[in-house]
């Protein structure tokens, strides 16, 4: 199995980060495999796939580069750098690491990804490869992702809040088990990354980061010996209907932030879901929920490690909503 040996100091320094470059690579992968990681991403894929196909038809060298770099079981290392920590770089600063990569490094990474079956055309264009990869990622970012990034970032941050909550209540086993397919915390400092039969890697003294993204399986990356990353599938839906607007009169009565929370609680939701859907801070949402609980407008119940909130009949009356059915209805994936 793919095994990482992680000592207590490395675990103590590990962290969750959100990276626009990682999500851009995830979007490029979705376009390349032509399959969405979540049904809600299907409209995004259908909308942008024709432009992506047209771009690659007009640039066969870049098309070969994508095919070589994004193998079913391996992403070329240069295309998946470890995100910086702390999160201090803009997307274009992160992208600069790919644009500035050595052509020899890029060619070697592509040769590894293809198992030694590197197309001859890529070798002939070796000096152009870093720039071509960066140009394509910049197009994916600016044309398909940048307008959606604020909301996706909020969903990723909600996923991080959920994971850190699991870490607080259940330790690393709860936070890391099945974070991505094949990944498990085995105890005694052993983290199974995948089921591949590779020699163990000793991460003693390194920094380890975990990065949510819109991916099917995710990937791992490293900048040996000091930095390692695990990119894992975000647990929340990336494209759901826009949150219903709170009635103006209700906003005047409760305040717009509190009214928005109450309107969203027609179905059971956790605090982290409300943070993602409203864009409000965790502290603000928590204060709103306390006031609504004290007023009898919402109630709460525990589901596993999550606490779910939902409107009471009094809350329904205040929002002008139809009474809820007795069944609890669907609960979103973000815990």
C-alpha atoms as a PDB file:
ATOM      1  CA  UNK A   1       0.000   0.000   0.000  1.00  0.00           C
ATOM      2  CA  UNK A   2       1.034   3.648  -0.322  1.00  0.00           C
ATOM      3  CA  UNK A   3       2.060   4.419   3.260  1.00  0.00           C
ATOM      4  CA  UNK A   4       3.206   7.687   4.822  1.00  0.00           C
ATOM      5  CA  UNK A   5       4.917   7.564   8.212  1.00  0.00           C
ATOM      6  CA  UNK A   6       3.761  10.658  10.064  1.00  0.00           C
ATOM      7  CA  UNK A   7       5.219  11.510  13.473  1.00  0.00           C
ATOM      8  CA  UNK A   8       3.431  13.516  16.169  1.00  0.00           C
ATOM      9  CA  UNK A   9       5.262  16.762  15.324  1.00  0.00           C
ATOM     10  CA  UNK A  10       4.253  16.545  11.668  1.00  0.00           C
ATOM     11  CA  UNK A  11       0.634  15.954  12.648  1.00  0.00           C
ATOM     12  CA  UNK A  12       0.750  18.899  15.047  1.00  0.00           C
ATOM     13  CA  UNK A  13       2.023  21.193  12.271  1.00  0.00           C
ATOM     14  CA  UNK A  14      -0.353  19.891   9.591  1.00  0.00           C
ATOM     15  CA  UNK A  15      -3.173  22.106   8.379  1.00  0.00           C
ATOM     16  CA  UNK A  16      -6.038  22.482   5.919  1.00  0.00           C
ATOM     17  CA  UNK A  17      -5.664  25.030   3.112  1.00  0.00           C
ATOM     18  CA  UNK A  18      -7.751  26.203   0.167  1.00  0.00           C
ATOM     19  CA  UNK A  19      -5.914  26.748  -3.127  1.00  0.00           C
ATOM     20  CA  UNK A  20      -7.255  28.404  -6.291  1.00  0.00           C
ATOM     21  CA  UNK A  21      -4.526  26.709  -8.344  1.00  0.00           C
ATOM     22  CA  UNK A  22      -5.453  23.257  -7.029  1.00  0.00           C
ATOM     23  CA  UNK A  23      -9.108  23.895  -7.908  1.00  0.00           C
ATOM     24  CA  UNK A  24      -8.077  25.126 -11.368  1.00  0.00           C
ATOM     25  CA  UNK A  25      -6.133  21.899 -11.965  1.00  0.00           C
ATOM     26  CA  UNK A  26      -9.207  20.002 -10.716  1.00  0.00           C
ATOM     27  CA  UNK A  27     -11.371  21.870 -13.247  1.00  0.00           C
ATOM     28  CA  UNK A  28      -8.891  21.134 -16.037  1.00  0.00           C
ATOM     29  CA  UNK A  29      -9.057  17.460 -15.069  1.00  0.00           C
ATOM     30  CA  UNK A  30     -12.865  17.535 -15.198  1.00  0.00           C
ATOM     31  CA  UNK A  31     -12.749  19.057 -18.681  1.00  0.00           C
ATOM     32  CA  UNK A  32     -10.127  16.531 -19.827  1.00  0.00           C
ATOM     33  CA  UNK A  33     -11.980  13.430 -18.584  1.00  0.00           C
ATOM     34  CA  UNK A  34     -15.354  14.934 -19.625  1.00  0.00           C
ATOM     35  CA  UNK A  35     -17.026  13.684 -16.462  1.00  0.00           C
ATOM     36  CA  UNK A  36     -18.204  15.830 -13.541  1.00  0.00           C
ATOM     37  CA  UNK A  37     -17.116  14.921 -10.003  1.00  0.00           C
ATOM     38  CA  UNK A  38     -20.614  15.769  -8.740  1.00  0.00           C
ATOM     39  CA  UNK A  39     -23.937  15.872 -10.644  1.00  0.00           C
ATOM     40  CA  UNK A  40     -24.275  19.548  -9.821  1.00  0.00           C
ATOM     41  CA  UNK A  41     -21.134  20.281 -11.864  1.00  0.00           C
ATOM     42  CA  UNK A  42     -22.714  18.889 -15.051  1.00  0.00           C
ATOM     43  CA  UNK A  43     -24.135  22.275 -16.185  1.00  0.00           C
ATOM     44  CA  UNK A  44     -20.686  23.870 -15.713  1.00  0.00           C
ATOM     45  CA  UNK A  45     -19.049  21.104 -17.741  1.00  0.00           C
ATOM     46  CA  UNK A  46     -21.631  21.268 -20.534  1.00  0.00           C
ATOM     47  CA  UNK A  47     -21.244  25.044 -20.729  1.00  0.00           C
ATOM     48  CA  UNK A  48     -17.436  25.127 -20.969  1.00  0.00           C
ATOM     49  CA  UNK A  49     -16.548  21.877 -22.718  1.00  0.00           C
ATOM     50  CA  UNK A  50     -17.152  23.186 -26.289  1.00  0.00           C
ATOM     51  CA  UNK A  51     -14.757  26.127 -25.748  1.00  0.00           C
ATOM     52  CA  UNK A  52     -12.196  23.811 -24.177  1.00  0.00           C
ATOM     53  CA  UNK A  53     -12.403  21.381 -27.097  1.00  0.00           C
ATOM     54  CA  UNK A  54     -12.087  24.214 -29.601  1.00  0.00           C
ATOM     55  CA  UNK A  55      -9.021  25.572 -27.811  1.00  0.00           C
ATOM     56  CA  UNK A  56      -7.237  22.211 -27.876  1.00  0.00           C
ATOM     57  CA  UNK A  57      -8.182  21.540 -31.506  1.00  0.00           C
ATOM     58  CA  UNK A  58      -6.437  24.794 -32.388  1.00  0.00           C
ATOM     59  CA  UNK A  59      -3.347  23.846 -30.343  1.00  0.00           C
ATOM     60  CA  UNK A  60      -2.427  20.162 -30.845  1.00  0.00           C
ATOM     61  CA  UNK A  61       0.815  20.454 -28.858  1.00  0.00           C
ATOM     62  CA  UNK A  62      -1.057  21.609 -25.758  1.00  0.00           C
ATOM     63  CA  UNK A  63      -3.625  18.861 -26.367  1.00  0.00           C
ATOM     64  CA  UNK A  64      -0.781  16.292 -26.284  1.00  0.00           C
ATOM     65  CA  UNK A  65       0.579  17.956 -23.155  1.00  0.00           C
ATOM     66  CA  UNK A  66      -2.755  17.597 -21.345  1.00  0.00           C
ATOM     67  CA  UNK A  67      -3.127  13.982 -22.421  1.00  0.00           C
ATOM     68  CA  UNK A  68       0.369  13.146 -21.178  1.00  0.00           C
ATOM     69  CA  UNK A  69       0.116  15.091 -17.904  1.00  0.00           C
ATOM     70  CA  UNK A  70      -3.300  13.838 -16.763  1.00  0.00           C
ATOM     71  CA  UNK A  71      -2.983  10.067 -16.668  1.00  0.00           C
ATOM     72  CA  UNK A  72      -5.719   7.955 -15.021  1.00  0.00           C
ATOM     73  CA  UNK A  73      -3.500   7.095 -12.035  1.00  0.00           C
ATOM     74  CA  UNK A  74      -0.949   9.890 -12.092  1.00  0.00           C
ATOM     75  CA  UNK A  75      -0.794  13.664 -12.572  1.00  0.00           C
ATOM     76  CA  UNK A  76       2.562  14.956 -13.738  1.00  0.00           C
ATOM     77  CA  UNK A  77       4.316  16.389 -10.686  1.00  0.00           C
ATOM     78  CA  UNK A  78       4.968  19.865 -12.136  1.00  0.00           C
ATOM     79  CA  UNK A  79       1.207  20.351 -12.622  1.00  0.00           C
ATOM     80  CA  UNK A  80       0.436  19.615  -8.959  1.00  0.00           C
ATOM     81  CA  UNK A  81       2.790  21.644  -6.754  1.00  0.00           C
ATOM     82  CA  UNK A  82       2.226  21.616  -2.994  1.00  0.00           C
ATOM     83  CA  UNK A  83       0.095  24.666  -2.080  1.00  0.00           C
ATOM     84  CA  UNK A  84       1.891  27.307  -0.031  1.00  0.00           C
ATOM     85  CA  UNK A  85       1.285  27.630   3.695  1.00  0.00           C
ATOM     86  CA  UNK A  86       0.271  30.032   5.022  1.00  0.00           C
ATOM     87  CA  UNK A  87      -2.096  30.865   2.187  1.00  0.00           C
ATOM     88  CA  UNK A  88      -0.297  33.993   1.060  1.00  0.00           C
ATOM     89  CA  UNK A  89      -0.181  33.688  -2.729  1.00  0.00           C
ATOM     90  CA  UNK A  90      -2.718  34.825  -5.312  1.00  0.00           C
ATOM     91  CA  UNK A  91      -3.736  32.514  -8.129  1.00  0.00           C
ATOM     92  CA  UNK A  92      -1.272  34.114 -10.546  1.00  0.00           C
ATOM     93  CA  UNK A  93       1.545  33.895  -8.021  1.00  0.00           C
ATOM     94  CA  UNK A  94       0.797  30.189  -7.598  1.00  0.00           C
ATOM     95  CA  UNK A  95       0.617  29.830 -11.374  1.00  0.00           C
ATOM     96  CA  UNK A  96       4.046  31.427 -11.649  1.00  0.00           C
ATOM     97  CA  UNK A  97       5.524  28.294 -10.088  1.00  0.00           C
ATOM     98  CA  UNK A  98       4.316  26.284 -13.090  1.00  0.00           C
ATOM     99  CA  UNK A  99       5.238  28.929 -15.654  1.00  0.00           C
ATOM    100  CA  UNK A 100       8.738  29.119 -14.192  1.00  0.00           C
ATOM    101  CA  UNK A 101       9.329  25.363 -14.045  1.00  0.00           C
ATOM    102  CA  UNK A 102      12.419  23.997 -15.759  1.00  0.00           C
ATOM    103  CA  UNK A 103      11.654  22.477 -19.191  1.00  0.00           C
ATOM    104  CA  UNK A 104      13.853  19.513 -18.259  1.00  0.00           C
ATOM    105  CA  UNK A 105      11.800  18.950 -15.081  1.00  0.00           C
ATOM    106  CA  UNK A 106       8.520  19.203 -16.988  1.00  0.00           C
ATOM    107  CA  UNK A 107       9.728  16.743 -19.632  1.00  0.00           C
ATOM    108  CA  UNK A 108      10.941  14.290 -16.975  1.00  0.00           C
ATOM    109  CA  UNK A 109       7.618  14.534 -15.098  1.00  0.00           C
ATOM    110  CA  UNK A 110       5.680  13.883 -18.308  1.00  0.00           C
ATOM    111  CA  UNK A 111       7.907  10.914 -19.105  1.00  0.00           C
ATOM    112  CA  UNK A 112       7.186   9.472 -15.645  1.00  0.00           C
ATOM    113  CA  UNK A 113       3.445  10.108 -15.957  1.00  0.00           C
ATOM    114  CA  UNK A 114       3.281   8.323 -19.330  1.00  0.00           C
ATOM    115  CA  UNK A 115       5.438   5.420 -18.199  1.00  0.00           C
ATOM    116  CA  UNK A 116       8.173   6.291 -20.685  1.00  0.00           C
ATOM    117  CA  UNK A 117       5.782   6.707 -23.621  1.00  0.00           C
ATOM    118  CA  UNK A 118       6.327  10.435 -24.079  1.00  0.00           C
ATOM    119  CA  UNK A 119       5.072  11.729 -27.475  1.00  0.00           C
ATOM    120  CA  UNK A 120       7.994  12.896 -29.623  1.00  0.00           C
ATOM    121  CA  UNK A 121       6.232  16.196 -30.376  1.00  0.00           C
ATOM    122  CA  UNK A 122       6.456  17.182 -26.707  1.00  0.00           C
ATOM    123  CA  UNK A 123      10.199  16.582 -26.651  1.00  0.00           C
ATOM    124  CA  UNK A 124      10.566  18.795 -29.741  1.00  0.00           C
ATOM    125  CA  UNK A 125       8.659  21.599 -27.990  1.00  0.00           C
ATOM    126  CA  UNK A 126      10.266  21.084 -24.565  1.00  0.00           C
ATOM    127  CA  UNK A 127      11.124  24.765 -23.969  1.00  0.00           C
ATOM    128  CA  UNK A 128       7.493  25.804 -24.546  1.00  0.00           C
ATOM    129  CA  UNK A 129       5.873  23.259 -22.229  1.00  0.00           C
ATOM    130  CA  UNK A 130       5.835  25.224 -18.941  1.00  0.00           C
ATOM    131  CA  UNK A 131       4.343  28.268 -20.671  1.00  0.00           C
ATOM    132  CA  UNK A 132       1.765  26.227 -22.572  1.00  0.00           C
ATOM    133  CA  UNK A 133       0.617  24.493 -19.371  1.00  0.00           C
ATOM    134  CA  UNK A 134       0.400  27.821 -17.528  1.00  0.00           C
ATOM    135  CA  UNK A 135      -1.494  29.498 -20.376  1.00  0.00           C
ATOM    136  CA  UNK A 136      -4.087  26.719 -20.415  1.00  0.00           C
ATOM    137  CA  UNK A 137      -4.551  26.869 -16.637  1.00  0.00           C
ATOM    138  CA  UNK A 138      -4.896  30.646 -16.800  1.00  0.00           C
ATOM    139  CA  UNK A 139      -7.643  30.224 -19.405  1.00  0.00           C
ATOM    140  CA  UNK A 140      -9.437  27.639 -17.238  1.00  0.00           C
ATOM    141  CA  UNK A 141      -9.256  30.019 -14.275  1.00  0.00           C
ATOM    142  CA  UNK A 142     -10.355  33.218 -16.004  1.00  0.00           C
ATOM    143  CA  UNK A 143     -12.937  31.696 -18.375  1.00  0.00           C
ATOM    144  CA  UNK A 144     -14.568  28.994 -16.264  1.00  0.00           C
ATOM    145  CA  UNK A 145     -13.733  29.306 -12.551  1.00  0.00           C
ATOM    146  CA  UNK A 146     -12.963  32.844 -11.410  1.00  0.00           C
ATOM    147  CA  UNK A 147     -16.617  34.035 -11.317  1.00  0.00           C
ATOM    148  CA  UNK A 148     -17.521  30.971  -9.206  1.00  0.00           C
ATOM    149  CA  UNK A 149     -14.487  31.080  -6.936  1.00  0.00           C
ATOM    150  CA  UNK A 150     -15.967  33.089  -4.004  1.00  0.00           C
ATOM    151  CA  UNK A 151     -18.756  30.552  -3.537  1.00  0.00           C
ATOM    152  CA  UNK A 152     -16.514  27.532  -4.088  1.00  0.00           C
ATOM    153  CA  UNK A 153     -14.042  28.949  -1.602  1.00  0.00           C
ATOM    154  CA  UNK A 154     -16.831  29.252   0.980  1.00  0.00           C
ATOM    155  CA  UNK A 155     -17.844  25.627   0.394  1.00  0.00           C
ATOM    156  CA  UNK A 156     -14.246  24.477   0.735  1.00  0.00           C
ATOM    157  CA  UNK A 157     -13.878  26.509   3.928  1.00  0.00           C
ATOM    158  CA  UNK A 158     -17.056  24.880   5.257  1.00  0.00           C
ATOM    159  CA  UNK A 159     -15.568  21.467   4.464  1.00  0.00           C
ATOM    160  CA  UNK A 160     -12.432  22.458   6.375  1.00  0.00           C
ATOM    161  CA  UNK A 161     -14.532  23.541   9.354  1.00  0.00           C
ATOM    162  CA  UNK A 162     -16.299  20.194   9.284  1.00  0.00           C
ATOM    163  CA  UNK A 163     -13.001  18.290   9.125  1.00  0.00           C
ATOM    164  CA  UNK A 164     -11.449  20.253  11.971  1.00  0.00           C
ATOM    165  CA  UNK A 165     -14.614  19.613  14.002  1.00  0.00           C
ATOM    166  CA  UNK A 166     -14.176  15.886  13.397  1.00  0.00           C
ATOM    167  CA  UNK A 167     -10.541  16.236  14.429  1.00  0.00           C
ATOM    168  CA  UNK A 168     -11.544  17.891  17.704  1.00  0.00           C
ATOM    169  CA  UNK A 169     -14.171  15.284  18.554  1.00  0.00           C
ATOM    170  CA  UNK A 170     -12.690  12.080  17.148  1.00  0.00           C
ATOM    171  CA  UNK A 171      -8.982  12.663  16.545  1.00  0.00           C
ATOM    172  CA  UNK A 172      -7.036  12.062  13.357  1.00  0.00           C
ATOM    173  CA  UNK A 173      -8.772   8.760  12.635  1.00  0.00           C
ATOM    174  CA  UNK A 174     -12.120  10.575  12.349  1.00  0.00           C
ATOM    175  CA  UNK A 175     -10.709  13.467  10.304  1.00  0.00           C
ATOM    176  CA  UNK A 176      -8.629  11.441   7.842  1.00  0.00           C
ATOM    177  CA  UNK A 177     -10.410   8.117   7.403  1.00  0.00           C
ATOM    178  CA  UNK A 178     -11.779   7.879   3.876  1.00  0.00           C
ATOM    179  CA  UNK A 179     -10.915  11.514   3.180  1.00  0.00           C
ATOM    180  CA  UNK A 180     -10.173  10.213  -0.321  1.00  0.00           C
ATOM    181  CA  UNK A 181     -10.731   6.733  -1.807  1.00  0.00           C
ATOM    182  CA  UNK A 182      -8.236   4.253  -0.386  1.00  0.00           C
ATOM    183  CA  UNK A 183      -7.034   6.597   2.375  1.00  0.00           C
ATOM    184  CA  UNK A 184      -7.142   5.494   6.020  1.00  0.00           C
ATOM    185  CA  UNK A 185      -5.489   6.419   9.281  1.00  0.00           C
ATOM    186  CA  UNK A 186      -4.004   3.133  10.508  1.00  0.00           C
ATOM    187  CA  UNK A 187      -2.704   4.409  13.832  1.00  0.00           C
ATOM    188  CA  UNK A 188       0.845   4.348  15.210  1.00  0.00           C
ATOM    189  CA  UNK A 189       1.845   7.157  12.860  1.00  0.00           C
ATOM    190  CA  UNK A 190       0.810   5.308   9.697  1.00  0.00           C
ATOM    191  CA  UNK A 191      -1.330   7.044   7.084  1.00  0.00           C
ATOM    192  CA  UNK A 192      -2.458   4.868   4.166  1.00  0.00           C
ATOM    193  CA  UNK A 193      -2.596   7.177   1.142  1.00  0.00           C
ATOM    194  CA  UNK A 194      -3.750   4.621  -1.409  1.00  0.00           C
ATOM    195  CA  UNK A 195      -3.639   0.903  -2.114  1.00  0.00           C
ATOM    196  CA  UNK A 196      -0.624   1.117  -4.408  1.00  0.00           C
ATOM    197  CA  UNK A 197       2.293  -1.127  -3.451  1.00  0.00           C
ATOM    198  CA  UNK A 198       4.939   1.568  -2.922  1.00  0.00           C
ATOM    199  CA  UNK A 199       7.707   1.814  -0.309  1.00  0.00           C
ATOM    200  CA  UNK A 200       6.687   3.838   2.785  1.00  0.00           C
ATOM    201  CA  UNK A 201       7.605   7.540   2.862  1.00  0.00           C
ATOM    202  CA  UNK A 202       8.893   9.011   6.117  1.00  0.00           C
ATOM    203  CA  UNK A 203       7.406  12.497   6.638  1.00  0.00           C
ATOM    204  CA  UNK A 204       9.203  13.184   9.933  1.00  0.00           C
ATOM    205  CA  UNK A 205       9.866  16.903  10.239  1.00  0.00           C
ATOM    206  CA  UNK A 206       7.845  17.789   7.123  1.00  0.00           C
ATOM    207  CA  UNK A 207       4.802  20.039   6.754  1.00  0.00           C
ATOM    208  CA  UNK A 208       1.620  18.268   5.646  1.00  0.00           C
ATOM    209  CA  UNK A 209      -1.385  20.095   4.204  1.00  0.00           C
ATOM    210  CA  UNK A 210      -4.860  18.853   3.226  1.00  0.00           C
ATOM    211  CA  UNK A 211      -6.650  20.592   0.343  1.00  0.00           C
ATOM    212  CA  UNK A 212     -10.358  20.186  -0.581  1.00  0.00           C
ATOM    213  CA  UNK A 213     -11.199  20.382  -4.299  1.00  0.00           C
ATOM    214  CA  UNK A 214     -13.846  19.358  -6.830  1.00  0.00           C
ATOM    215  CA  UNK A 215     -12.265  16.020  -7.712  1.00  0.00           C
ATOM    216  CA  UNK A 216     -13.348  12.397  -8.041  1.00  0.00           C
ATOM    217  CA  UNK A 217     -10.449  10.886  -6.122  1.00  0.00           C
ATOM    218  CA  UNK A 218      -7.892  13.616  -5.494  1.00  0.00           C
ATOM    219  CA  UNK A 219      -4.125  13.244  -5.554  1.00  0.00           C
ATOM    220  CA  UNK A 220      -1.028  13.601  -3.421  1.00  0.00           C
ATOM    221  CA  UNK A 221       1.976  15.794  -4.126  1.00  0.00           C
ATOM    222  CA  UNK A 222       5.276  16.614  -2.486  1.00  0.00           C
ATOM    223  CA  UNK A 223       8.299  18.852  -2.532  1.00  0.00           C
ATOM    224  CA  UNK A 224      10.716  16.516  -0.796  1.00  0.00           C
ATOM    225  CA  UNK A 225      11.725  16.433   1.953  1.00  0.00           C
ATOM    226  CA  UNK A 226       9.838  19.278   3.604  1.00  0.00           C
ATOM    227  CA  UNK A 227       6.354  19.677   2.076  1.00  0.00           C
ATOM    228  CA  UNK A 228       3.560  17.190   1.308  1.00  0.00           C
ATOM    229  CA  UNK A 229      -0.086  17.648   0.303  1.00  0.00           C
ATOM    230  CA  UNK A 230      -3.228  15.537   0.074  1.00  0.00           C
ATOM    231  CA  UNK A 231      -5.903  16.852  -2.316  1.00  0.00           C
ATOM    232  CA  UNK A 232      -9.248  15.275  -1.449  1.00  0.00           C
ATOM    233  CA  UNK A 233     -12.862  15.476  -2.718  1.00  0.00           C
ATOM    234  CA  UNK A 234     -14.856  18.257  -1.084  1.00  0.00           C
ATOM    235  CA  UNK A 235     -17.754  16.701   0.819  1.00  0.00           C
ATOM    236  CA  UNK A 236     -20.265  19.415  -0.127  1.00  0.00           C
ATOM    237  CA  UNK A 237     -22.202  19.935  -3.371  1.00  0.00           C
ATOM    238  CA  UNK A 238     -20.466  22.513  -5.560  1.00  0.00           C
ATOM    239  CA  UNK A 239     -23.502  23.648  -7.475  1.00  0.00           C
ATOM    240  CA  UNK A 240     -26.824  23.845  -5.745  1.00  0.00           C
ATOM    241  CA  UNK A 241     -29.704  26.266  -6.308  1.00  0.00           C
ATOM    242  CA  UNK A 242     -29.137  29.787  -5.081  1.00  0.00           C
ATOM    243  CA  UNK A 243     -30.312  30.367  -1.539  1.00  0.00           C
ATOM    244  CA  UNK A 244     -33.843  31.819  -1.401  1.00  0.00           C
ATOM    245  CA  UNK A 245     -33.963  35.508  -0.576  1.00  0.00           C
ATOM    246  CA  UNK A 246     -35.417  36.514   2.771  1.00  0.00           C
ATOM    247  CA  UNK A 247     -38.653  38.566   2.542  1.00  0.00           C
ATOM    248  CA  UNK A 248     -37.948  42.272   2.955  1.00  0.00           C
ATOM    249  CA  UNK A 249     -40.282  42.590   5.953  1.00  0.00           C
ATOM    250  CA  UNK A 250     -38.546  39.658   7.676  1.00  0.00           C
ATOM    251  CA  UNK A 251     -35.146  41.243   7.034  1.00  0.00           C
ATOM    252  CA  UNK A 252     -36.332  44.479   8.622  1.00  0.00           C
ATOM    253  CA  UNK A 253     -37.646  42.573  11.648  1.00  0.00           C
ATOM    254  CA  UNK A 254     -34.696  40.267  12.294  1.00  0.00           C
ATOM    255  CA  UNK A 255     -31.878  41.871  10.356  1.00  0.00           C
ATOM    256  CA  UNK A 256     -30.794  40.588   6.949  1.00  0.00           C
ATOM    257  CA  UNK A 257     -28.187  38.118   8.240  1.00  0.00           C
ATOM    258  CA  UNK A 258     -30.467  36.438  10.772  1.00  0.00           C
ATOM    259  CA  UNK A 259     -33.375  36.402   8.341  1.00  0.00           C
ATOM    260  CA  UNK A 260     -31.207  34.686   5.708  1.00  0.00           C
ATOM    261  CA  UNK A 261     -30.307  31.949   8.215  1.00  0.00           C
ATOM    262  CA  UNK A 262     -33.946  31.405   9.185  1.00  0.00           C
ATOM    263  CA  UNK A 263     -35.086  31.137   5.552  1.00  0.00           C
ATOM    264  CA  UNK A 264     -32.428  28.505   4.820  1.00  0.00           C
ATOM    265  CA  UNK A 265     -33.593  26.305   7.688  1.00  0.00           C
ATOM    266  CA  UNK A 266     -36.634  24.918   5.895  1.00  0.00           C
ATOM    267  CA  UNK A 267     -34.447  21.759   5.711  1.00  0.00           C
ATOM    268  CA  UNK A 268     -32.010  20.562   8.393  1.00  0.00           C
ATOM    269  CA  UNK A 269     -28.605  22.201   8.037  1.00  0.00           C
ATOM    270  CA  UNK A 270     -25.414  22.346  10.060  1.00  0.00           C
ATOM    271  CA  UNK A 271     -23.570  25.478  11.076  1.00  0.00           C
ATOM    272  CA  UNK A 272     -20.874  24.852   8.465  1.00  0.00           C
ATOM    273  CA  UNK A 273     -23.503  24.526   5.737  1.00  0.00           C
ATOM    274  CA  UNK A 274     -25.020  27.844   6.773  1.00  0.00           C
ATOM    275  CA  UNK A 275     -21.589  29.490   6.685  1.00  0.00           C
ATOM    276  CA  UNK A 276     -21.068  28.209   3.140  1.00  0.00           C
ATOM    277  CA  UNK A 277     -24.528  29.168   1.890  1.00  0.00           C
ATOM    278  CA  UNK A 278     -24.727  32.641   3.434  1.00  0.00           C
ATOM    279  CA  UNK A 279     -21.115  33.752   3.191  1.00  0.00           C
ATOM    280  CA  UNK A 280     -21.334  34.949   6.798  1.00  0.00           C
ATOM    281  CA  UNK A 281     -18.637  34.186   9.344  1.00  0.00           C
ATOM    282  CA  UNK A 282     -18.882  31.238  11.714  1.00  0.00           C
ATOM    283  CA  UNK A 283     -19.249  33.536  14.731  1.00  0.00           C
ATOM    284  CA  UNK A 284     -22.082  35.503  13.120  1.00  0.00           C
ATOM    285  CA  UNK A 285     -23.994  32.368  12.149  1.00  0.00           C
ATOM    286  CA  UNK A 286     -23.537  30.959  15.650  1.00  0.00           C
ATOM    287  CA  UNK A 287     -24.947  34.138  17.224  1.00  0.00           C
ATOM    288  CA  UNK A 288     -27.926  34.132  14.859  1.00  0.00           C
ATOM    289  CA  UNK A 289     -28.683  30.505  15.698  1.00  0.00           C
ATOM    290  CA  UNK A 290     -28.569  31.192  19.439  1.00  0.00           C
ATOM    291  CA  UNK A 291     -31.066  34.039  19.123  1.00  0.00           C
ATOM    292  CA  UNK A 292     -33.362  31.954  16.900  1.00  0.00           C
ATOM    293  CA  UNK A 293     -33.153  29.019  19.321  1.00  0.00           C
ATOM    294  CA  UNK A 294     -33.942  31.245  22.299  1.00  0.00           C
ATOM    295  CA  UNK A 295     -36.939  32.662  20.406  1.00  0.00           C
ATOM    296  CA  UNK A 296     -38.276  29.182  19.596  1.00  0.00           C
ATOM    297  CA  UNK A 297     -37.987  29.775  15.848  1.00  0.00           C
ATOM    298  CA  UNK A 298     -35.578  26.881  15.247  1.00  0.00           C
ATOM    299  CA  UNK A 299     -34.681  23.687  17.041  1.00  0.00           C
ATOM    300  CA  UNK A 300     -31.690  21.392  16.810  1.00  0.00           C
ATOM    301  CA  UNK A 301     -30.889  17.700  16.847  1.00  0.00           C
ATOM    302  CA  UNK A 302     -27.742  15.638  16.644  1.00  0.00           C
ATOM    303  CA  UNK A 303     -27.001  13.447  13.614  1.00  0.00           C
ATOM    304  CA  UNK A 304     -23.787  11.526  14.190  1.00  0.00           C
ATOM    305  CA  UNK A 305     -21.122  14.122  14.966  1.00  0.00           C
ATOM    306  CA  UNK A 306     -23.130  16.961  13.412  1.00  0.00           C
ATOM    307  CA  UNK A 307     -25.705  19.231  15.007  1.00  0.00           C
ATOM    308  CA  UNK A 308     -28.517  20.062  12.571  1.00  0.00           C
ATOM    309  CA  UNK A 309     -30.846  23.053  12.852  1.00  0.00           C
ATOM    310  CA  UNK A 310     -34.341  23.368  11.361  1.00  0.00           C
ATOM    311  CA  UNK A 311     -37.241  25.804  11.608  1.00  0.00           C
ATOM    312  CA  UNK A 312     -40.016  25.135  14.093  1.00  0.00           C
ATOM    313  CA  UNK A 313     -43.684  25.690  13.164  1.00  0.00           C
ATOM    314  CA  UNK A 314     -43.329  29.179  14.662  1.00  0.00           C
ATOM    315  CA  UNK A 315     -40.386  29.823  12.341  1.00  0.00           C
ATOM    316  CA  UNK A 316     -42.448  28.614   9.389  1.00  0.00           C
ATOM    317  CA  UNK A 317     -45.216  31.049  10.272  1.00  0.00           C
ATOM    318  CA  UNK A 318     -42.760  33.915  10.519  1.00  0.00           C
ATOM    319  CA  UNK A 319     -41.232  33.172   7.124  1.00  0.00           C
ATOM    320  CA  UNK A 320     -44.635  32.570   5.530  1.00  0.00           C
ATOM    321  CA  UNK A 321     -43.615  29.038   4.569  1.00  0.00           C
ATOM    322  CA  UNK A 322     -45.901  26.083   4.116  1.00  0.00           C
ATOM    323  CA  UNK A 323     -45.765  23.596   7.000  1.00  0.00           C
ATOM    324  CA  UNK A 324     -43.032  21.013   6.656  1.00  0.00           C
ATOM    325  CA  UNK A 325     -43.774  17.351   6.149  1.00  0.00           C
ATOM    326  CA  UNK A 326     -43.092  14.987   9.017  1.00  0.00           C
ATOM    327  CA  UNK A 327     -40.150  13.450   7.170  1.00  0.00           C
ATOM    328  CA  UNK A 328     -36.879  15.293   7.757  1.00  0.00           C
ATOM    329  CA  UNK A 329     -36.079  15.664   4.067  1.00  0.00           C
ATOM    330  CA  UNK A 330     -32.648  15.540   2.469  1.00  0.00           C
ATOM    331  CA  UNK A 331     -29.562  16.733   4.277  1.00  0.00           C
ATOM    332  CA  UNK A 332     -26.636  18.186   2.288  1.00  0.00           C
ATOM    333  CA  UNK A 333     -23.303  16.419   2.313  1.00  0.00           C
ATOM    334  CA  UNK A 334     -21.319  19.004   4.270  1.00  0.00           C
ATOM    335  CA  UNK A 335     -21.360  17.940   7.907  1.00  0.00           C
END
